[in-house]
Full PDB file with SEQRES, HELIX, SHEET, SSBOND, CRYST1, ORIGX, SCALE, CONECT and MASTER records, all heavy atoms in Angstrom:
SEQRES   1 A   41  ALA GLY GLU VAL GLY LEU PHE ASN VAL VAL GLN ALA MET          
SEQRES   2 A   41  ASN ARG PHE ALA ARG ASN PRO ASN ASP ASP ALA ASP PHE          
SEQRES   3 A   41  TRP GLN PRO ALA PRO LEU LEU ALA LYS LEU ALA ALA GLU          
SEQRES   4 A   41  GLY LYS                                                      
HELIX    1 AA1 LEU A    6  ALA A   17  1                                  12    
HELIX    2 AA2 PRO A   31  ALA A   38  1                                   8    
CRYST1    1.000    1.000    1.000  90.00  90.00  90.00 P 1           1          
ORIGX1      1.000000  0.000000  0.000000        0.00000                         
ORIGX2      0.000000  1.000000  0.000000        0.00000                         
ORIGX3      0.000000  0.000000  1.000000        0.00000                         
SCALE1      1.000000  0.000000  0.000000        0.00000                         
SCALE2      0.000000  1.000000  0.000000        0.00000                         
SCALE3      0.000000  0.000000  1.000000        0.00000                         
ATOM      1  N   ALA A   1       0.847  -1.219   0.005  1.00  0.00           N  
ATOM      2  CA  ALA A   1      -0.006  -0.001  -0.004  1.00  0.00           C  
ATOM      3  C   ALA A   1       0.874   1.251  -0.002  1.00  0.00           C  
ATOM      4  O   ALA A   1       0.563   2.242  -0.679  1.00  0.00           O  
ATOM      5  CB  ALA A   1      -0.925   0.001   1.210  1.00  0.00           C  
ATOM      6  N   GLY A   2       1.987   1.199   0.752  1.00  0.00           N  
ATOM      7  CA  GLY A   2       2.917   2.325   0.776  1.00  0.00           C  
ATOM      8  C   GLY A   2       3.555   2.559  -0.578  1.00  0.00           C  
ATOM      9  O   GLY A   2       3.777   3.704  -0.991  1.00  0.00           O  
ATOM     10  N   GLU A   3       3.833   1.474  -1.295  1.00  0.00           N  
ATOM     11  CA  GLU A   3       4.445   1.600  -2.623  1.00  0.00           C  
ATOM     12  C   GLU A   3       3.456   2.202  -3.637  1.00  0.00           C  
ATOM     13  O   GLU A   3       3.858   2.986  -4.494  1.00  0.00           O  
ATOM     14  CB  GLU A   3       4.898   0.217  -3.107  1.00  0.00           C  
ATOM     15  CG  GLU A   3       5.911  -0.424  -2.201  1.00  0.00           C  
ATOM     16  CD  GLU A   3       7.108  -1.006  -2.935  1.00  0.00           C  
ATOM     17  OE1 GLU A   3       6.886  -1.726  -3.913  1.00  0.00           O  
ATOM     18  OE2 GLU A   3       8.241  -0.723  -2.519  1.00  0.00           O  
ATOM     19  N   VAL A   4       2.180   1.789  -3.520  1.00  0.00           N  
ATOM     20  CA  VAL A   4       1.156   2.327  -4.428  1.00  0.00           C  
ATOM     21  C   VAL A   4       0.916   3.799  -4.070  1.00  0.00           C  
ATOM     22  O   VAL A   4       0.575   4.619  -4.931  1.00  0.00           O  
ATOM     23  CB  VAL A   4      -0.165   1.520  -4.260  1.00  0.00           C  
ATOM     24  CG1 VAL A   4      -1.322   2.180  -4.979  1.00  0.00           C  
ATOM     25  CG2 VAL A   4       0.020   0.095  -4.751  1.00  0.00           C  
ATOM     26  N   GLY A   5       1.100   4.120  -2.790  1.00  0.00           N  
ATOM     27  CA  GLY A   5       0.808   5.473  -2.280  1.00  0.00           C  
ATOM     28  C   GLY A   5      -0.529   5.432  -1.561  1.00  0.00           C  
ATOM     29  O   GLY A   5      -1.552   5.070  -2.152  1.00  0.00           O  
ATOM     30  N   LEU A   6      -0.526   5.760  -0.261  1.00  0.00           N  
ATOM     31  CA  LEU A   6      -1.761   5.654   0.531  1.00  0.00           C  
ATOM     32  C   LEU A   6      -2.842   6.585   0.006  1.00  0.00           C  
ATOM     33  O   LEU A   6      -4.032   6.287   0.091  1.00  0.00           O  
ATOM     34  CB  LEU A   6      -1.498   5.916   2.019  1.00  0.00           C  
ATOM     35  CG  LEU A   6      -0.511   4.945   2.707  1.00  0.00           C  
ATOM     36  CD1 LEU A   6      -0.533   5.154   4.225  1.00  0.00           C  
ATOM     37  CD2 LEU A   6      -0.832   3.489   2.397  1.00  0.00           C  
ATOM     38  N   PHE A   7      -2.424   7.721  -0.562  1.00  0.00           N  
ATOM     39  CA  PHE A   7      -3.404   8.654  -1.153  1.00  0.00           C  
ATOM     40  C   PHE A   7      -4.181   7.924  -2.267  1.00  0.00           C  
ATOM     41  O   PHE A   7      -5.409   8.004  -2.359  1.00  0.00           O  
ATOM     42  CB  PHE A   7      -2.684   9.893  -1.725  1.00  0.00           C  
ATOM     43  CG  PHE A   7      -3.599  10.819  -2.471  1.00  0.00           C  
ATOM     44  CD1 PHE A   7      -4.404  11.727  -1.793  1.00  0.00           C  
ATOM     45  CD2 PHE A   7      -3.685  10.767  -3.856  1.00  0.00           C  
ATOM     46  CE1 PHE A   7      -5.264  12.572  -2.486  1.00  0.00           C  
ATOM     47  CE2 PHE A   7      -4.542  11.620  -4.568  1.00  0.00           C  
ATOM     48  CZ  PHE A   7      -5.330  12.538  -3.877  1.00  0.00           C  
ATOM     49  N   ASN A   8      -3.444   7.175  -3.127  1.00  0.00           N  
ATOM     50  CA  ASN A   8      -4.084   6.445  -4.229  1.00  0.00           C  
ATOM     51  C   ASN A   8      -4.982   5.328  -3.734  1.00  0.00           C  
ATOM     52  O   ASN A   8      -6.031   5.047  -4.319  1.00  0.00           O  
ATOM     53  CB  ASN A   8      -3.003   5.869  -5.162  1.00  0.00           C  
ATOM     54  CG  ASN A   8      -2.170   6.957  -5.802  1.00  0.00           C  
ATOM     55  OD1 ASN A   8      -2.687   8.043  -6.069  1.00  0.00           O  
ATOM     56  ND2 ASN A   8      -0.903   6.686  -6.027  1.00  0.00           N  
ATOM     57  N   VAL A   9      -4.560   4.689  -2.628  1.00  0.00           N  
ATOM     58  CA  VAL A   9      -5.366   3.622  -2.032  1.00  0.00           C  
ATOM     59  C   VAL A   9      -6.706   4.207  -1.559  1.00  0.00           C  
ATOM     60  O   VAL A   9      -7.787   3.654  -1.838  1.00  0.00           O  
ATOM     61  CB  VAL A   9      -4.617   2.954  -0.845  1.00  0.00           C  
ATOM     62  CG1 VAL A   9      -5.522   1.978  -0.105  1.00  0.00           C  
ATOM     63  CG2 VAL A   9      -3.370   2.224  -1.345  1.00  0.00           C  
ATOM     64  N   VAL A  10      -6.655   5.342  -0.880  1.00  0.00           N  
ATOM     65  CA  VAL A  10      -7.871   5.988  -0.366  1.00  0.00           C  
ATOM     66  C   VAL A  10      -8.779   6.417  -1.517  1.00  0.00           C  
ATOM     67  O   VAL A  10     -10.006   6.235  -1.458  1.00  0.00           O  
ATOM     68  CB  VAL A  10      -7.509   7.187   0.552  1.00  0.00           C  
ATOM     69  CG1 VAL A  10      -8.737   8.039   0.850  1.00  0.00           C  
ATOM     70  CG2 VAL A  10      -6.910   6.672   1.847  1.00  0.00           C  
ATOM     71  N   GLN A  11      -8.200   6.936  -2.600  1.00  0.00           N  
ATOM     72  CA  GLN A  11      -9.001   7.338  -3.781  1.00  0.00           C  
ATOM     73  C   GLN A  11      -9.771   6.149  -4.340  1.00  0.00           C  
ATOM     74  O   GLN A  11     -10.953   6.234  -4.655  1.00  0.00           O  
ATOM     75  CB  GLN A  11      -8.096   7.914  -4.891  1.00  0.00           C  
ATOM     76  CG  GLN A  11      -7.418   9.227  -4.547  1.00  0.00           C  
ATOM     77  CD  GLN A  11      -8.424  10.336  -4.274  1.00  0.00           C  
ATOM     78  OE1 GLN A  11      -8.716  10.645  -3.111  1.00  0.00           O  
ATOM     79  NE2 GLN A  11      -8.968  10.918  -5.328  1.00  0.00           N  
ATOM     80  N   ALA A  12      -9.055   4.997  -4.470  1.00  0.00           N  
ATOM     81  CA  ALA A  12      -9.688   3.786  -5.003  1.00  0.00           C  
ATOM     82  C   ALA A  12     -10.825   3.336  -4.065  1.00  0.00           C  
ATOM     83  O   ALA A  12     -11.909   2.949  -4.523  1.00  0.00           O  
ATOM     84  CB  ALA A  12      -8.658   2.673  -5.153  1.00  0.00           C  
ATOM     85  N   MET A  13     -10.567   3.410  -2.753  1.00  0.00           N  
ATOM     86  CA  MET A  13     -11.589   2.990  -1.788  1.00  0.00           C  
ATOM     87  C   MET A  13     -12.833   3.874  -1.868  1.00  0.00           C  
ATOM     88  O   MET A  13     -13.972   3.369  -1.788  1.00  0.00           O  
ATOM     89  CB  MET A  13     -11.009   3.024  -0.371  1.00  0.00           C  
ATOM     90  CG  MET A  13     -10.055   1.856  -0.120  1.00  0.00           C  
ATOM     91  SD  MET A  13      -9.064   2.032   1.382  1.00  0.00           S  
ATOM     92  CE  MET A  13     -10.336   2.182   2.606  1.00  0.00           C  
ATOM     93  N   ASN A  14     -12.642   5.166  -2.067  1.00  0.00           N  
ATOM     94  CA  ASN A  14     -13.797   6.073  -2.208  1.00  0.00           C  
ATOM     95  C   ASN A  14     -14.615   5.696  -3.451  1.00  0.00           C  
ATOM     96  O   ASN A  14     -15.843   5.779  -3.464  1.00  0.00           O  
ATOM     97  CB  ASN A  14     -13.326   7.535  -2.321  1.00  0.00           C  
ATOM     98  CG  ASN A  14     -12.724   8.018  -1.007  1.00  0.00           C  
ATOM     99  OD1 ASN A  14     -13.037   7.490   0.056  1.00  0.00           O  
ATOM    100  ND2 ASN A  14     -11.868   9.044  -1.063  1.00  0.00           N  
ATOM    101  N   ARG A  15     -13.924   5.259  -4.485  1.00  0.00           N  
ATOM    102  CA  ARG A  15     -14.580   4.822  -5.730  1.00  0.00           C  
ATOM    103  C   ARG A  15     -15.407   3.552  -5.451  1.00  0.00           C  
ATOM    104  O   ARG A  15     -16.564   3.441  -5.876  1.00  0.00           O  
ATOM    105  CB  ARG A  15     -13.508   4.543  -6.778  1.00  0.00           C  
ATOM    106  CG  ARG A  15     -13.930   4.731  -8.203  1.00  0.00           C  
ATOM    107  CD  ARG A  15     -12.771   4.768  -9.183  1.00  0.00           C  
ATOM    108  NE  ARG A  15     -11.924   3.606  -9.160  1.00  0.00           N  
ATOM    109  CZ  ARG A  15     -10.634   3.616  -8.837  1.00  0.00           C  
ATOM    110  NH1 ARG A  15     -10.040   4.758  -8.487  1.00  0.00           N  
ATOM    111  NH2 ARG A  15      -9.912   2.521  -8.851  1.00  0.00           N  
ATOM    112  N   PHE A  16     -14.827   2.593  -4.716  1.00  0.00           N  
ATOM    113  CA  PHE A  16     -15.535   1.327  -4.414  1.00  0.00           C  
ATOM    114  C   PHE A  16     -16.764   1.591  -3.539  1.00  0.00           C  
ATOM    115  O   PHE A  16     -17.759   0.881  -3.649  1.00  0.00           O  
ATOM    116  CB  PHE A  16     -14.604   0.330  -3.715  1.00  0.00           C  
ATOM    117  CG  PHE A  16     -13.364  -0.028  -4.504  1.00  0.00           C  
ATOM    118  CD1 PHE A  16     -12.160  -0.362  -3.857  1.00  0.00           C  
ATOM    119  CD2 PHE A  16     -13.370  -0.054  -5.897  1.00  0.00           C  
ATOM    120  CE1 PHE A  16     -11.028  -0.676  -4.570  1.00  0.00           C  
ATOM    121  CE2 PHE A  16     -12.240  -0.368  -6.629  1.00  0.00           C  
ATOM    122  CZ  PHE A  16     -11.060  -0.680  -5.965  1.00  0.00           C  
ATOM    123  N   ALA A  17     -16.679   2.605  -2.685  1.00  0.00           N  
ATOM    124  CA  ALA A  17     -17.789   2.913  -1.779  1.00  0.00           C  
ATOM    125  C   ALA A  17     -19.040   3.359  -2.567  1.00  0.00           C  
ATOM    126  O   ALA A  17     -20.155   3.282  -2.062  1.00  0.00           O  
ATOM    127  CB  ALA A  17     -17.386   3.988  -0.783  1.00  0.00           C  
ATOM    128  N   ARG A  18     -18.828   3.837  -3.803  1.00  0.00           N  
ATOM    129  CA  ARG A  18     -19.976   4.296  -4.615  1.00  0.00           C  
ATOM    130  C   ARG A  18     -20.672   3.158  -5.357  1.00  0.00           C  
ATOM    131  O   ARG A  18     -21.684   3.353  -6.005  1.00  0.00           O  
ATOM    132  CB  ARG A  18     -19.510   5.382  -5.613  1.00  0.00           C  
ATOM    133  CG  ARG A  18     -19.061   6.664  -4.918  1.00  0.00           C  
ATOM    134  CD  ARG A  18     -18.929   7.828  -5.889  1.00  0.00           C  
ATOM    135  NE  ARG A  18     -17.812   7.677  -6.809  1.00  0.00           N  
ATOM    136  CZ  ARG A  18     -16.546   8.101  -6.549  1.00  0.00           C  
ATOM    137  NH1 ARG A  18     -16.275   8.684  -5.396  1.00  0.00           N  
ATOM    138  NH2 ARG A  18     -15.601   7.940  -7.434  1.00  0.00           N  
ATOM    139  N   ASN A  19     -20.101   1.943  -5.275  1.00  0.00           N  
ATOM    140  CA  ASN A  19     -20.664   0.783  -5.977  1.00  0.00           C  
ATOM    141  C   ASN A  19     -21.850   0.252  -5.162  1.00  0.00           C  
ATOM    142  O   ASN A  19     -21.694  -0.199  -4.033  1.00  0.00           O  
ATOM    143  CB  ASN A  19     -19.567  -0.297  -6.094  1.00  0.00           C  
ATOM    144  CG  ASN A  19     -20.062  -1.604  -6.672  1.00  0.00           C  
ATOM    145  OD1 ASN A  19     -21.258  -1.821  -6.884  1.00  0.00           O  
ATOM    146  ND2 ASN A  19     -19.131  -2.512  -6.907  1.00  0.00           N  
ATOM    147  N   PRO A  20     -23.066   0.300  -5.731  1.00  0.00           N  
ATOM    148  CA  PRO A  20     -24.268  -0.092  -4.944  1.00  0.00           C  
ATOM    149  C   PRO A  20     -24.298  -1.555  -4.524  1.00  0.00           C  
ATOM    150  O   PRO A  20     -24.996  -1.922  -3.591  1.00  0.00           O  
ATOM    151  CB  PRO A  20     -25.438   0.216  -5.888  1.00  0.00           C  
ATOM    152  CG  PRO A  20     -24.833   0.233  -7.271  1.00  0.00           C  
ATOM    153  CD  PRO A  20     -23.421   0.700  -7.103  1.00  0.00           C  
ATOM    154  N   ASN A  21     -23.500  -2.403  -5.190  1.00  0.00           N  
ATOM    155  CA  ASN A  21     -23.504  -3.839  -4.847  1.00  0.00           C  
ATOM    156  C   ASN A  21     -22.387  -4.222  -3.877  1.00  0.00           C  
ATOM    157  O   ASN A  21     -22.223  -5.382  -3.536  1.00  0.00           O  
ATOM    158  CB  ASN A  21     -23.386  -4.694  -6.123  1.00  0.00           C  
ATOM    159  CG  ASN A  21     -24.564  -4.465  -7.048  1.00  0.00           C  
ATOM    160  OD1 ASN A  21     -25.718  -4.469  -6.590  1.00  0.00           O  
ATOM    161  ND2 ASN A  21     -24.300  -4.202  -8.323  1.00  0.00           N  
ATOM    162  N   ASP A  22     -21.608  -3.236  -3.468  1.00  0.00           N  
ATOM    163  CA  ASP A  22     -20.512  -3.475  -2.515  1.00  0.00           C  
ATOM    164  C   ASP A  22     -20.975  -3.028  -1.131  1.00  0.00           C  
ATOM    165  O   ASP A  22     -22.151  -2.717  -0.925  1.00  0.00           O  
ATOM    166  CB  ASP A  22     -19.258  -2.711  -2.975  1.00  0.00           C  
ATOM    167  CG  ASP A  22     -17.962  -3.293  -2.396  1.00  0.00           C  
ATOM    168  OD1 ASP A  22     -17.997  -3.862  -1.296  1.00  0.00           O  
ATOM    169  OD2 ASP A  22     -16.905  -3.150  -3.057  1.00  0.00           O  
ATOM    170  N   ASP A  23     -20.074  -2.982  -0.171  1.00  0.00           N  
ATOM    171  CA  ASP A  23     -20.393  -2.575   1.193  1.00  0.00           C  
ATOM    172  C   ASP A  23     -19.758  -1.200   1.438  1.00  0.00           C  
ATOM    173  O   ASP A  23     -18.584  -1.105   1.791  1.00  0.00           O  
ATOM    174  CB  ASP A  23     -19.848  -3.621   2.180  1.00  0.00           C  
ATOM    175  CG  ASP A  23     -20.154  -3.293   3.620  1.00  0.00           C  
ATOM    176  OD1 ASP A  23     -20.675  -2.186   3.890  1.00  0.00           O  
ATOM    177  OD2 ASP A  23     -19.850  -4.122   4.508  1.00  0.00           O  
ATOM    178  N   ALA A  24     -20.545  -0.146   1.240  1.00  0.00           N  
ATOM    179  CA  ALA A  24     -20.014   1.229   1.310  1.00  0.00           C  
ATOM    180  C   ALA A  24     -19.389   1.532   2.668  1.00  0.00           C  
ATOM    181  O   ALA A  24     -18.362   2.202   2.751  1.00  0.00           O  
ATOM    182  CB  ALA A  24     -21.128   2.224   1.009  1.00  0.00           C  
ATOM    183  N   ASP A  25     -19.997   1.024   3.739  1.00  0.00           N  
ATOM    184  CA  ASP A  25     -19.481   1.304   5.089  1.00  0.00           C  
ATOM    185  C   ASP A  25     -18.055   0.780   5.255  1.00  0.00           C  
ATOM    186  O   ASP A  25     -17.203   1.424   5.850  1.00  0.00           O  
ATOM    187  CB  ASP A  25     -20.362   0.652   6.164  1.00  0.00           C  
ATOM    188  CG  ASP A  25     -21.677   1.388   6.319  1.00  0.00           C  
ATOM    189  OD1 ASP A  25     -21.786   2.525   5.806  1.00  0.00           O  
ATOM    190  OD2 ASP A  25     -22.628   0.843   6.913  1.00  0.00           O  
ATOM    191  N   PHE A  26     -17.821  -0.433   4.715  1.00  0.00           N  
ATOM    192  CA  PHE A  26     -16.486  -1.004   4.869  1.00  0.00           C  
ATOM    193  C   PHE A  26     -15.411  -0.144   4.201  1.00  0.00           C  
ATOM    194  O   PHE A  26     -14.300  -0.046   4.675  1.00  0.00           O  
ATOM    195  CB  PHE A  26     -16.408  -2.439   4.305  1.00  0.00           C  
ATOM    196  CG  PHE A  26     -14.979  -2.948   4.269  1.00  0.00           C  
ATOM    197  CD1 PHE A  26     -14.326  -3.279   5.435  1.00  0.00           C  
ATOM    198  CD2 PHE A  26     -14.275  -3.017   3.063  1.00  0.00           C  
ATOM    199  CE1 PHE A  26     -12.998  -3.688   5.428  1.00  0.00           C  
ATOM    200  CE2 PHE A  26     -12.944  -3.417   3.043  1.00  0.00           C  
ATOM    201  CZ  PHE A  26     -12.304  -3.773   4.231  1.00  0.00           C  
ATOM    202  N   TRP A  27     -15.790   0.480   3.081  1.00  0.00           N  
ATOM    203  CA  TRP A  27     -14.787   1.242   2.310  1.00  0.00           C  
ATOM    204  C   TRP A  27     -14.515   2.637   2.868  1.00  0.00           C  
ATOM    205  O   TRP A  27     -13.757   3.411   2.300  1.00  0.00           O  
ATOM    206  CB  TRP A  27     -15.176   1.327   0.837  1.00  0.00           C  
ATOM    207  CG  TRP A  27     -14.990   0.018   0.122  1.00  0.00           C  
ATOM    208  CD1 TRP A  27     -15.923  -0.718  -0.506  1.00  0.00           C  
ATOM    209  CD2 TRP A  27     -13.753  -0.705  -0.051  1.00  0.00           C  
ATOM    210  NE1 TRP A  27     -15.379  -1.848  -1.060  1.00  0.00           N  
ATOM    211  CE2 TRP A  27     -14.044  -1.864  -0.800  1.00  0.00           C  
ATOM    212  CE3 TRP A  27     -12.425  -0.492   0.353  1.00  0.00           C  
ATOM    213  CZ2 TRP A  27     -13.079  -2.811  -1.134  1.00  0.00           C  
ATOM    214  CZ3 TRP A  27     -11.461  -1.436   0.026  1.00  0.00           C  
ATOM    215  CH2 TRP A  27     -11.777  -2.578  -0.713  1.00  0.00           C  
ATOM    216  N   GLN A  28     -15.122   2.993   4.029  1.00  0.00           N  
ATOM    217  CA  GLN A  28     -14.699   4.229   4.699  1.00  0.00           C  
ATOM    218  C   GLN A  28     -13.282   3.973   5.185  1.00  0.00           C  
ATOM    219  O   GLN A  28     -13.061   3.045   5.965  1.00  0.00           O  
ATOM    220  CB  GLN A  28     -15.610   4.533   5.923  1.00  0.00           C  
ATOM    221  CG  GLN A  28     -17.041   4.824   5.551  1.00  0.00           C  
ATOM    222  CD  GLN A  28     -17.170   5.875   4.453  1.00  0.00           C  
ATOM    223  OE1 GLN A  28     -16.583   6.940   4.531  1.00  0.00           O  
ATOM    224  NE2 GLN A  28     -17.906   5.540   3.405  1.00  0.00           N  
ATOM    225  N   PRO A  29     -12.282   4.760   4.744  1.00  0.00           N  
ATOM    226  CA  PRO A  29     -10.894   4.475   5.149  1.00  0.00           C  
ATOM    227  C   PRO A  29     -10.759   4.487   6.680  1.00  0.00           C  
ATOM    228  O   PRO A  29     -11.346   5.336   7.351  1.00  0.00           O  
ATOM    229  CB  PRO A  29     -10.096   5.614   4.530  1.00  0.00           C  
ATOM    230  CG  PRO A  29     -10.940   6.103   3.401  1.00  0.00           C  
ATOM    231  CD  PRO A  29     -12.366   5.906   3.825  1.00  0.00           C  
ATOM    232  N   ALA A  30     -10.025   3.513   7.210  1.00  0.00           N  
ATOM    233  CA  ALA A  30      -9.734   3.480   8.648  1.00  0.00           C  
ATOM    234  C   ALA A  30      -9.085   4.821   9.010  1.00  0.00           C  
ATOM    235  O   ALA A  30      -8.282   5.353   8.239  1.00  0.00           O  
ATOM    236  CB  ALA A  30      -8.784   2.347   8.958  1.00  0.00           C  
ATOM    237  N   PRO A  31      -9.422   5.412  10.197  1.00  0.00           N  
ATOM    238  CA  PRO A  31      -8.868   6.716  10.561  1.00  0.00           C  
ATOM    239  C   PRO A  31      -7.335   6.810  10.424  1.00  0.00           C  
ATOM    240  O   PRO A  31      -6.817   7.815   9.932  1.00  0.00           O  
ATOM    241  CB  PRO A  31      -9.297   6.884  12.023  1.00  0.00           C  
ATOM    242  CG  PRO A  31     -10.567   6.098  12.120  1.00  0.00           C  
ATOM    243  CD  PRO A  31     -10.394   4.936  11.189  1.00  0.00           C  
ATOM    244  N   LEU A  32      -6.639   5.728  10.794  1.00  0.00           N  
ATOM    245  CA  LEU A  32      -5.169   5.740  10.663  1.00  0.00           C  
ATOM    246  C   LEU A  32      -4.741   5.856   9.208  1.00  0.00           C  
ATOM    247  O   LEU A  32      -3.837   6.621   8.866  1.00  0.00           O  
ATOM    248  CB  LEU A  32      -4.585   4.462  11.291  1.00  0.00           C  
ATOM    249  CG  LEU A  32      -3.066   4.289  11.143  1.00  0.00           C  
ATOM    250  CD1 LEU A  32      -2.306   5.344  11.941  1.00  0.00           C  
ATOM    251  CD2 LEU A  32      -2.637   2.888  11.592  1.00  0.00           C  
ATOM    252  N   LEU A  33      -5.408   5.107   8.333  1.00  0.00           N  
ATOM    253  CA  LEU A  33      -5.107   5.145   6.908  1.00  0.00           C  
ATOM    254  C   LEU A  33      -5.385   6.543   6.335  1.00  0.00           C  
ATOM    255  O   LEU A  33      -4.547   7.104   5.621  1.00  0.00           O  
ATOM    256  CB  LEU A  33      -5.954   4.090   6.167  1.00  0.00           C  
ATOM    257  CG  LEU A  33      -5.912   4.061   4.632  1.00  0.00           C  
ATOM    258  CD1 LEU A  33      -4.490   3.963   4.106  1.00  0.00           C  
ATOM    259  CD2 LEU A  33      -6.753   2.898   4.091  1.00  0.00           C  
ATOM    260  N   ALA A  34      -6.527   7.116   6.680  1.00  0.00           N  
ATOM    261  CA  ALA A  34      -6.905   8.453   6.188  1.00  0.00           C  
ATOM    262  C   ALA A  34      -5.878   9.496   6.644  1.00  0.00           C  
ATOM    263  O   ALA A  34      -5.446  10.355   5.869  1.00  0.00           O  
ATOM    264  CB  ALA A  34      -8.294   8.823   6.687  1.00  0.00           C  
ATOM    265  N   LYS A  35      -5.464   9.390   7.911  1.00  0.00           N  
ATOM    266  CA  LYS A  35      -4.517  10.346   8.505  1.00  0.00           C  
ATOM    267  C   LYS A  35      -3.151  10.257   7.796  1.00  0.00           C  
ATOM    268  O   LYS A  35      -2.573  11.271   7.376  1.00  0.00           O  
ATOM    269  CB  LYS A  35      -4.362  10.035   9.998  1.00  0.00           C  
ATOM    270  CG  LYS A  35      -3.385  10.939  10.759  1.00  0.00           C  
ATOM    271  CD  LYS A  35      -3.403  10.557  12.247  1.00  0.00           C  
ATOM    272  CE  LYS A  35      -2.356  11.287  13.045  1.00  0.00           C  
ATOM    273  NZ  LYS A  35      -0.965  10.829  12.782  1.00  0.00           N  
ATOM    274  N   LEU A  36      -2.634   9.021   7.627  1.00  0.00           N  
ATOM    275  CA  LEU A  36      -1.322   8.840   6.992  1.00  0.00           C  
ATOM    276  C   LEU A  36      -1.366   9.292   5.528  1.00  0.00           C  
ATOM    277  O   LEU A  36      -0.422   9.908   5.033  1.00  0.00           O  
ATOM    278  CB  LEU A  36      -0.880   7.379   7.080  1.00  0.00           C  
ATOM    279  CG  LEU A  36      -0.538   6.849   8.490  1.00  0.00           C  
ATOM    280  CD1 LEU A  36      -0.273   5.357   8.450  1.00  0.00           C  
ATOM    281  CD2 LEU A  36       0.657   7.571   9.074  1.00  0.00           C  
ATOM    282  N   ALA A  37      -2.489   8.996   4.848  1.00  0.00           N  
ATOM    283  CA  ALA A  37      -2.643   9.393   3.433  1.00  0.00           C  
ATOM    284  C   ALA A  37      -2.616  10.930   3.319  1.00  0.00           C  
ATOM    285  O   ALA A  37      -1.951  11.483   2.440  1.00  0.00           O  
ATOM    286  CB  ALA A  37      -3.938   8.826   2.864  1.00  0.00           C  
ATOM    287  N   ALA A  38      -3.314  11.588   4.247  1.00  0.00           N  
ATOM    288  CA  ALA A  38      -3.381  13.058   4.205  1.00  0.00           C  
ATOM    289  C   ALA A  38      -2.019  13.678   4.487  1.00  0.00           C  
ATOM    290  O   ALA A  38      -1.673  14.732   3.949  1.00  0.00           O  
ATOM    291  CB  ALA A  38      -4.385  13.556   5.252  1.00  0.00           C  
ATOM    292  N   GLU A  39      -1.196  12.970   5.282  1.00  0.00           N  
ATOM    293  CA  GLU A  39       0.143  13.516   5.643  1.00  0.00           C  
ATOM    294  C   GLU A  39       1.206  13.053   4.668  1.00  0.00           C  
ATOM    295  O   GLU A  39       2.378  13.378   4.822  1.00  0.00           O  
ATOM    296  CB  GLU A  39       0.506  13.066   7.063  1.00  0.00           C  
ATOM    297  CG  GLU A  39      -0.371  13.695   8.151  1.00  0.00           C  
ATOM    298  CD  GLU A  39      -0.183  13.017   9.512  1.00  0.00           C  
ATOM    299  OE1 GLU A  39       0.594  12.031   9.607  1.00  0.00           O  
ATOM    300  OE2 GLU A  39      -0.815  13.478  10.484  1.00  0.00           O  
ATOM    301  N   GLY A  40       0.812  12.249   3.679  1.00  0.00           N  
ATOM    302  CA  GLY A  40       1.786  11.740   2.703  1.00  0.00           C  
ATOM    303  C   GLY A  40       2.772  10.735   3.290  1.00  0.00           C  
ATOM    304  O   GLY A  40       3.890  10.584   2.834  1.00  0.00           O  
ATOM    305  N   LYS A  41       2.336  10.022   4.354  1.00  0.00           N  
ATOM    306  CA  LYS A  41       3.216   9.065   5.025  1.00  0.00           C  
ATOM    307  C   LYS A  41       2.845   7.632   4.668  1.00  0.00           C  
ATOM    308  O   LYS A  41       1.869   7.391   3.957  1.00  0.00           O  
ATOM    309  CB  LYS A  41       3.114   9.253   6.539  1.00  0.00           C  
ATOM    310  CG  LYS A  41       3.721  10.533   7.066  1.00  0.00           C  
ATOM    311  CD  LYS A  41       3.603  10.612   8.559  1.00  0.00           C  
ATOM    312  CE  LYS A  41       4.237  11.917   9.063  1.00  0.00           C  
ATOM    313  NZ  LYS A  41       3.806  12.162  10.478  1.00  0.00           N  
TER     314      LYS A  41                                                      
MASTER        0    0    0    2    0    0    0    6  313    1    0    4          
END                                                                             
């Protein structure tokens, strides 16, 4: 995930959350993931 870039991981997850046949709640990024992505870590 770090190699892909956490920012990119979060973007993809936001996209999956819009899929009506998936589980939108699950794709809310974990707070730690969101925080690290926002800080570029």
